[in-house]
Structure formats: C-alpha cells, structure tokens
PDB file of N, CA and C in Angstrom:
ATOM      1  N   MET A   1       0.826  -1.189   0.000  1.00  0.00           N
ATOM      2  CA  MET A   1       0.000   0.000   0.000  1.00  0.00           C
ATOM      3  C   MET A   1       0.869   1.250   0.000  1.00  0.00           C
ATOM      4  N   SER A   2       1.956   1.236   0.720  1.00  0.00           N
ATOM      5  CA  SER A   2       2.822   2.411   0.770  1.00  0.00           C
ATOM      6  C   SER A   2       3.505   2.645  -0.576  1.00  0.00           C
ATOM      7  N   GLU A   3       3.733   1.555  -1.362  1.00  0.00           N
ATOM      8  CA  GLU A   3       4.346   1.717  -2.683  1.00  0.00           C
ATOM      9  C   GLU A   3       3.453   2.527  -3.606  1.00  0.00           C
ATOM     10  N   SER A   4       2.168   2.220  -3.626  1.00  0.00           N
ATOM     11  CA  SER A   4       1.256   2.958  -4.499  1.00  0.00           C
ATOM     12  C   SER A   4       1.145   4.411  -4.056  1.00  0.00           C
ATOM     13  N   LYS A   5       1.222   4.632  -2.741  1.00  0.00           N
ATOM     14  CA  LYS A   5       1.185   5.997  -2.231  1.00  0.00           C
ATOM     15  C   LYS A   5       2.445   6.752  -2.658  1.00  0.00           C
ATOM     16  N   ASP A   6       3.599   6.086  -2.581  1.00  0.00           N
ATOM     17  CA  ASP A   6       4.855   6.693  -3.000  1.00  0.00           C
ATOM     18  C   ASP A   6       4.834   7.011  -4.498  1.00  0.00           C
ATOM     19  N   ARG A   7       4.252   6.141  -5.283  1.00  0.00           N
ATOM     20  CA  ARG A   7       4.178   6.371  -6.727  1.00  0.00           C
ATOM     21  C   ARG A   7       3.332   7.601  -7.031  1.00  0.00           C
ATOM     22  N   LYS A   8       2.215   7.723  -6.321  1.00  0.00           N
ATOM     23  CA  LYS A   8       1.348   8.882  -6.536  1.00  0.00           C
ATOM     24  C   LYS A   8       2.072  10.165  -6.166  1.00  0.00           C
ATOM     25  N   GLU A   9       2.745  10.164  -5.036  1.00  0.00           N
ATOM     26  CA  GLU A   9       3.481  11.349  -4.610  1.00  0.00           C
ATOM     27  C   GLU A   9       4.630  11.643  -5.559  1.00  0.00           C
ATOM     28  N   GLY A  10       5.317  10.591  -6.009  1.00  0.00           N
ATOM     29  CA  GLY A  10       6.441  10.763  -6.921  1.00  0.00           C
ATOM     30  C   GLY A  10       5.997  11.325  -8.267  1.00  0.00           C
ATOM     31  N   SER A  11       4.828  10.929  -8.723  1.00  0.00           N
ATOM     32  CA  SER A  11       4.361  11.426 -10.015  1.00  0.00           C
ATOM     33  C   SER A  11       4.022  12.909  -9.948  1.00  0.00           C
ATOM     34  N   LEU A  12       3.637  13.391  -8.765  1.00  0.00           N
ATOM     35  CA  LEU A  12       3.343  14.816  -8.629  1.00  0.00           C
ATOM     36  C   LEU A  12       4.619  15.640  -8.604  1.00  0.00           C
ATOM     37  N   GLU A  13       5.721  15.033  -8.186  1.00  0.00           N
ATOM     38  CA  GLU A  13       6.975  15.750  -8.082  1.00  0.00           C
ATOM     39  C   GLU A  13       7.857  15.564  -9.303  1.00  0.00           C
ATOM     40  N   CYS A  14       7.423  14.822 -10.268  1.00  0.00           N
ATOM     41  CA  CYS A  14       8.216  14.567 -11.468  1.00  0.00           C
ATOM     42  C   CYS A  14       8.435  15.881 -12.219  1.00  0.00           C
ATOM     43  N   SER A  15       9.673  16.131 -12.605  1.00  0.00           N
ATOM     44  CA  SER A  15       9.992  17.400 -13.271  1.00  0.00           C
ATOM     45  C   SER A  15       9.326  17.501 -14.641  1.00  0.00           C
ATOM     46  N   CYS A  16       9.026  16.392 -15.277  1.00  0.00           N
ATOM     47  CA  CYS A  16       8.399  16.448 -16.597  1.00  0.00           C
ATOM     48  C   CYS A  16       6.917  16.806 -16.512  1.00  0.00           C
ATOM     49  N   MET A  17       6.333  16.681 -15.355  1.00  0.00           N
ATOM     50  CA  MET A  17       4.913  16.963 -15.203  1.00  0.00           C
ATOM     51  C   MET A  17       4.648  18.335 -14.584  1.00  0.00           C
ATOM     52  N   GLN A  18       5.686  19.046 -14.157  1.00  0.00           N
ATOM     53  CA  GLN A  18       5.488  20.332 -13.512  1.00  0.00           C
ATOM     54  C   GLN A  18       5.318  21.425 -14.561  1.00  0.00           C
ATOM     55  N   ASP A  19       4.617  22.436 -14.175  1.00  0.00           N
ATOM     56  CA  ASP A  19       4.434  23.606 -15.027  1.00  0.00           C
ATOM     57  C   ASP A  19       5.669  24.476 -14.902  1.00  0.00           C
ATOM     58  N   GLY A  20       6.347  24.715 -16.006  1.00  0.00           N
ATOM     59  CA  GLY A  20       7.547  25.527 -15.994  1.00  0.00           C
ATOM     60  C   GLY A  20       7.289  26.979 -15.654  1.00  0.00           C
ATOM     61  N   PHE A  21       6.066  27.430 -15.849  1.00  0.00           N
ATOM     62  CA  PHE A  21       5.709  28.808 -15.579  1.00  0.00           C
ATOM     63  C   PHE A  21       4.873  28.942 -14.309  1.00  0.00           C
ATOM     64  N   GLY A  22       4.798  27.888 -13.513  1.00  0.00           N
ATOM     65  CA  GLY A  22       3.965  27.876 -12.320  1.00  0.00           C
ATOM     66  C   GLY A  22       4.381  28.885 -11.263  1.00  0.00           C
ATOM     67  N   ALA A  23       5.649  29.249 -11.227  1.00  0.00           N
ATOM     68  CA  ALA A  23       6.118  30.196 -10.218  1.00  0.00           C
ATOM     69  C   ALA A  23       5.815  31.642 -10.603  1.00  0.00           C
ATOM     70  N   LEU A  24       5.475  31.869 -11.862  1.00  0.00           N
ATOM     71  CA  LEU A  24       5.180  33.226 -12.310  1.00  0.00           C
ATOM     72  C   LEU A  24       3.781  33.645 -11.905  1.00  0.00           C
ATOM     73  N   PRO A  25       3.561  34.928 -11.678  1.00  0.00           N
ATOM     74  CA  PRO A  25       2.196  35.395 -11.423  1.00  0.00           C
ATOM     75  C   PRO A  25       1.352  35.236 -12.687  1.00  0.00           C
ATOM     76  N   PRO A  26       0.040  35.118 -12.554  1.00  0.00           N
ATOM     77  CA  PRO A  26      -0.831  34.847 -13.707  1.00  0.00           C
ATOM     78  C   PRO A  26      -0.682  35.846 -14.849  1.00  0.00           C
ATOM     79  N   GLU A  27      -0.428  37.110 -14.542  1.00  0.00           N
ATOM     80  CA  GLU A  27      -0.348  38.101 -15.610  1.00  0.00           C
ATOM     81  C   GLU A  27       0.924  37.960 -16.445  1.00  0.00           C
ATOM     82  N   LEU A  28       1.931  37.243 -15.948  1.00  0.00           N
ATOM     83  CA  LEU A  28       3.174  37.058 -16.691  1.00  0.00           C
ATOM     84  C   LEU A  28       3.268  35.708 -17.392  1.00  0.00           C
ATOM     85  N   ARG A  29       2.343  34.808 -17.110  1.00  0.00           N
ATOM     86  CA  ARG A  29       2.356  33.489 -17.754  1.00  0.00           C
ATOM     87  C   ARG A  29       1.949  33.624 -19.212  1.00  0.00           C
ATOM     88  N   PRO A  30       2.591  32.863 -20.095  1.00  0.00           N
ATOM     89  CA  PRO A  30       2.195  32.932 -21.505  1.00  0.00           C
ATOM     90  C   PRO A  30       0.805  32.349 -21.697  1.00  0.00           C
ATOM     91  N   ARG A  31       0.041  32.986 -22.549  1.00  0.00           N
ATOM     92  CA  ARG A  31      -1.316  32.519 -22.830  1.00  0.00           C
ATOM     93  C   ARG A  31      -1.327  31.772 -24.156  1.00  0.00           C
ATOM     94  N   PRO A  32      -2.117  30.711 -24.239  1.00  0.00           N
ATOM     95  CA  PRO A  32      -2.207  30.014 -25.524  1.00  0.00           C
ATOM     96  C   PRO A  32      -2.881  30.913 -26.558  1.00  0.00           C
ATOM     97  N   LYS A  33      -2.383  30.859 -27.772  1.00  0.00           N
ATOM     98  CA  LYS A  33      -2.974  31.673 -28.825  1.00  0.00           C
ATOM     99  C   LYS A  33      -4.286  31.046 -29.270  1.00  0.00           C
ATOM    100  N   LYS A  34      -5.280  31.884 -29.416  1.00  0.00           N
ATOM    101  CA  LYS A  34      -6.582  31.414 -29.860  1.00  0.00           C
ATOM    102  C   LYS A  34      -6.629  31.475 -31.381  1.00  0.00           C
ATOM    103  N   ASN A  35      -7.318  30.536 -31.955  1.00  0.00           N
ATOM    104  CA  ASN A  35      -7.505  30.557 -33.389  1.00  0.00           C
ATOM    105  C   ASN A  35      -8.640  31.530 -33.671  1.00  0.00           C
ATOM    106  N   ASN A  36      -8.288  32.773 -33.836  1.00  0.00           N
ATOM    107  CA  ASN A  36      -9.276  33.824 -33.949  1.00  0.00           C
ATOM    108  C   ASN A  36      -9.408  34.245 -35.402  1.00  0.00           C
ATOM    109  N   ASN A  37     -10.507  33.874 -36.018  1.00  0.00           N
ATOM    110  CA  ASN A  37     -10.715  34.255 -37.409  1.00  0.00           C
ATOM    111  C   ASN A  37     -11.764  35.367 -37.513  1.00  0.00           C
ATOM    112  N   LEU A  38     -11.977  36.113 -36.421  1.00  0.00           N
ATOM    113  CA  LEU A  38     -12.908  37.228 -36.448  1.00  0.00           C
ATOM    114  C   LEU A  38     -12.179  38.481 -36.906  1.00  0.00           C
ATOM    115  N   ARG A  39     -12.885  39.334 -37.593  1.00  0.00           N
ATOM    116  CA  ARG A  39     -12.315  40.602 -38.028  1.00  0.00           C
ATOM    117  C   ARG A  39     -13.159  41.727 -37.465  1.00  0.00           C
ATOM    118  N   GLN A  40     -12.536  42.849 -37.239  1.00  0.00           N
ATOM    119  CA  GLN A  40     -13.247  44.007 -36.697  1.00  0.00           C
ATOM    120  C   GLN A  40     -13.746  44.844 -37.860  1.00  0.00           C
ATOM    121  N   VAL A  41     -15.047  45.168 -37.839  1.00  0.00           N
ATOM    122  CA  VAL A  41     -15.665  45.956 -38.913  1.00  0.00           C
ATOM    123  C   VAL A  41     -16.531  47.056 -38.308  1.00  0.00           C
ATOM    124  N   THR A  42     -16.801  48.041 -39.124  1.00  0.00           N
ATOM    125  CA  THR A  42     -17.727  49.111 -38.769  1.00  0.00           C
ATOM    126  C   THR A  42     -18.924  48.983 -39.686  1.00  0.00           C
ATOM    127  N   CYS A  43     -20.105  48.896 -39.110  1.00  0.00           N
ATOM    128  CA  CYS A  43     -21.329  48.749 -39.887  1.00  0.00           C
ATOM    129  C   CYS A  43     -21.569  50.038 -40.678  1.00  0.00           C
ATOM    130  N   PRO A  44     -21.732  49.947 -42.001  1.00  0.00           N
ATOM    131  CA  PRO A  44     -21.994  51.140 -42.793  1.00  0.00           C
ATOM    132  C   PRO A  44     -23.385  51.728 -42.547  1.00  0.00           C
ATOM    133  N   GLY A  45     -24.297  50.949 -41.984  1.00  0.00           N
ATOM    134  CA  GLY A  45     -25.652  51.426 -41.742  1.00  0.00           C
ATOM    135  C   GLY A  45     -25.795  52.255 -40.482  1.00  0.00           C
ATOM    136  N   CYS A  46     -25.214  51.772 -39.377  1.00  0.00           N
ATOM    137  CA  CYS A  46     -25.407  52.461 -38.095  1.00  0.00           C
ATOM    138  C   CYS A  46     -24.097  52.924 -37.457  1.00  0.00           C
ATOM    139  N   GLY A  47     -22.958  52.495 -37.969  1.00  0.00           N
ATOM    140  CA  GLY A  47     -21.673  52.920 -37.430  1.00  0.00           C
ATOM    141  C   GLY A  47     -21.173  52.086 -36.266  1.00  0.00           C
ATOM    142  N   ARG A  48     -21.869  51.015 -35.932  1.00  0.00           N
ATOM    143  CA  ARG A  48     -21.449  50.148 -34.825  1.00  0.00           C
ATOM    144  C   ARG A  48     -20.148  49.440 -35.194  1.00  0.00           C
ATOM    145  N   VAL A  49     -19.217  49.398 -34.255  1.00  0.00           N
ATOM    146  CA  VAL A  49     -17.963  48.666 -34.436  1.00  0.00           C
ATOM    147  C   VAL A  49     -18.123  47.331 -33.717  1.00  0.00           C
ATOM    148  N   TYR A  50     -17.891  46.248 -34.450  1.00  0.00           N
ATOM    149  CA  TYR A  50     -18.057  44.918 -33.861  1.00  0.00           C
ATOM    150  C   TYR A  50     -17.135  43.938 -34.567  1.00  0.00           C
ATOM    151  N   ARG A  51     -17.066  42.704 -34.039  1.00  0.00           N
ATOM    152  CA  ARG A  51     -16.228  41.660 -34.623  1.00  0.00           C
ATOM    153  C   ARG A  51     -17.130  40.595 -35.218  1.00  0.00           C
ATOM    154  N   THR A  52     -16.751  40.113 -36.407  1.00  0.00           N
ATOM    155  CA  THR A  52     -17.569  39.130 -37.096  1.00  0.00           C
ATOM    156  C   THR A  52     -16.706  38.218 -37.955  1.00  0.00           C
ATOM    157  N   ASN A  53     -17.273  37.074 -38.317  1.00  0.00           N
ATOM    158  CA  ASN A  53     -16.631  36.204 -39.287  1.00  0.00           C
ATOM    159  C   ASN A  53     -17.495  36.097 -40.543  1.00  0.00           C
ATOM    160  N   ARG A  54     -18.531  36.916 -40.620  1.00  0.00           N
ATOM    161  CA  ARG A  54     -19.412  36.918 -41.785  1.00  0.00           C
ATOM    162  C   ARG A  54     -18.797  37.743 -42.905  1.00  0.00           C
ATOM    163  N   GLU A  55     -19.260  37.516 -44.137  1.00  0.00           N
ATOM    164  CA  GLU A  55     -18.702  38.225 -45.281  1.00  0.00           C
ATOM    165  C   GLU A  55     -19.224  39.652 -45.383  1.00  0.00           C
ATOM    166  N   THR A  56     -20.440  39.887 -44.931  1.00  0.00           N
ATOM    167  CA  THR A  56     -21.025  41.216 -45.016  1.00  0.00           C
ATOM    168  C   THR A  56     -20.572  42.084 -43.848  1.00  0.00           C
ATOM    169  N   ASP A  57     -20.513  43.384 -44.090  1.00  0.00           N
ATOM    170  CA  ASP A  57     -20.121  44.310 -43.023  1.00  0.00           C
ATOM    171  C   ASP A  57     -21.318  44.829 -42.236  1.00  0.00           C
ATOM    172  N   LEU A  58     -22.527  44.567 -42.705  1.00  0.00           N
ATOM    173  CA  LEU A  58     -23.720  45.020 -41.995  1.00  0.00           C
ATOM    174  C   LEU A  58     -23.894  44.238 -40.699  1.00  0.00           C
ATOM    175  N   CYS A  59     -24.252  44.942 -39.635  1.00  0.00           N
ATOM    176  CA  CYS A  59     -24.526  44.250 -38.378  1.00  0.00           C
ATOM    177  C   CYS A  59     -25.864  43.518 -38.509  1.00  0.00           C
ATOM    178  N   MET A  60     -26.146  42.673 -37.554  1.00  0.00           N
ATOM    179  CA  MET A  60     -27.367  41.856 -37.609  1.00  0.00           C
ATOM    180  C   MET A  60     -28.623  42.728 -37.603  1.00  0.00           C
ATOM    181  N   ASP A  61     -28.614  43.810 -36.814  1.00  0.00           N
ATOM    182  CA  ASP A  61     -29.789  44.681 -36.725  1.00  0.00           C
ATOM    183  C   ASP A  61     -30.066  45.361 -38.061  1.00  0.00           C
ATOM    184  N   CYS A  62     -29.035  45.916 -38.695  1.00  0.00           N
ATOM    185  CA  CYS A  62     -29.220  46.604 -39.972  1.00  0.00           C
ATOM    186  C   CYS A  62     -29.607  45.620 -41.079  1.00  0.00           C
ATOM    187  N   GLU A  63     -29.086  44.421 -41.013  1.00  0.00           N
ATOM    188  CA  GLU A  63     -29.439  43.412 -42.009  1.00  0.00           C
ATOM    189  C   GLU A  63     -30.910  43.029 -41.874  1.00  0.00           C
ATOM    190  N   LYS A  64     -31.409  42.940 -40.650  1.00  0.00           N
ATOM    191  CA  LYS A  64     -32.837  42.641 -40.430  1.00  0.00           C
ATOM    192  C   LYS A  64     -33.715  43.767 -40.941  1.00  0.00           C
ATOM    193  N   LYS A  65     -33.283  45.016 -40.757  1.00  0.00           N
ATOM    194  CA  LYS A  65     -34.064  46.170 -41.209  1.00  0.00           C
ATOM    195  C   LYS A  65     -34.184  46.217 -42.724  1.00  0.00           C
ATOM    196  N   ARG A  66     -33.168  45.777 -43.432  1.00  0.00           N
ATOM    197  CA  ARG A  66     -33.173  45.805 -44.897  1.00  0.00           C
ATOM    198  C   ARG A  66     -34.097  44.754 -45.497  1.00  0.00           C
ATOM    199  N   ARG A  67     -34.371  43.704 -44.779  1.00  0.00           N
ATOM    200  CA  ARG A  67     -35.207  42.627 -45.325  1.00  0.00           C
ATOM    201  C   ARG A  67     -36.635  42.974 -45.264  1.00  0.00           C
TER     202      ARG A  67
END
C-alpha cells in the first residue's frame, strides 16, 4: 500500500509533469494563442464597431431592417 502511495506522490513531483511557468504570477504566464478568425468591422448602416466572421459588413440589426 505504501508503494502505491509513493508512486502517486512521486508522479506529482516529477519534473516532466510540472508547469515551468507555475512560479510566475498569472499576468506574466504565456497565454495560448486562440484561433481567432474574427475581423473588426464598422457597420456602414449604423456605425457600430463589432467583430464578425461573416462576409457582409452590416450588423445583424441593420441586415434585419433591410429585409
């Protein structure tokens, strides 16, 4: 029983499993890059600035008004 306990404790202390940036404060840790395919556009109808992945630059509200 003590062997399995030692293995569990040893696996937590293994250098390959530790976070290399764990000692840094959260604001200094590197963040994973997001696959962001959104673009920032300004709606020609109302002037709203927003992010979208749609082909049209019209916001949803202005597009509804045109229909």
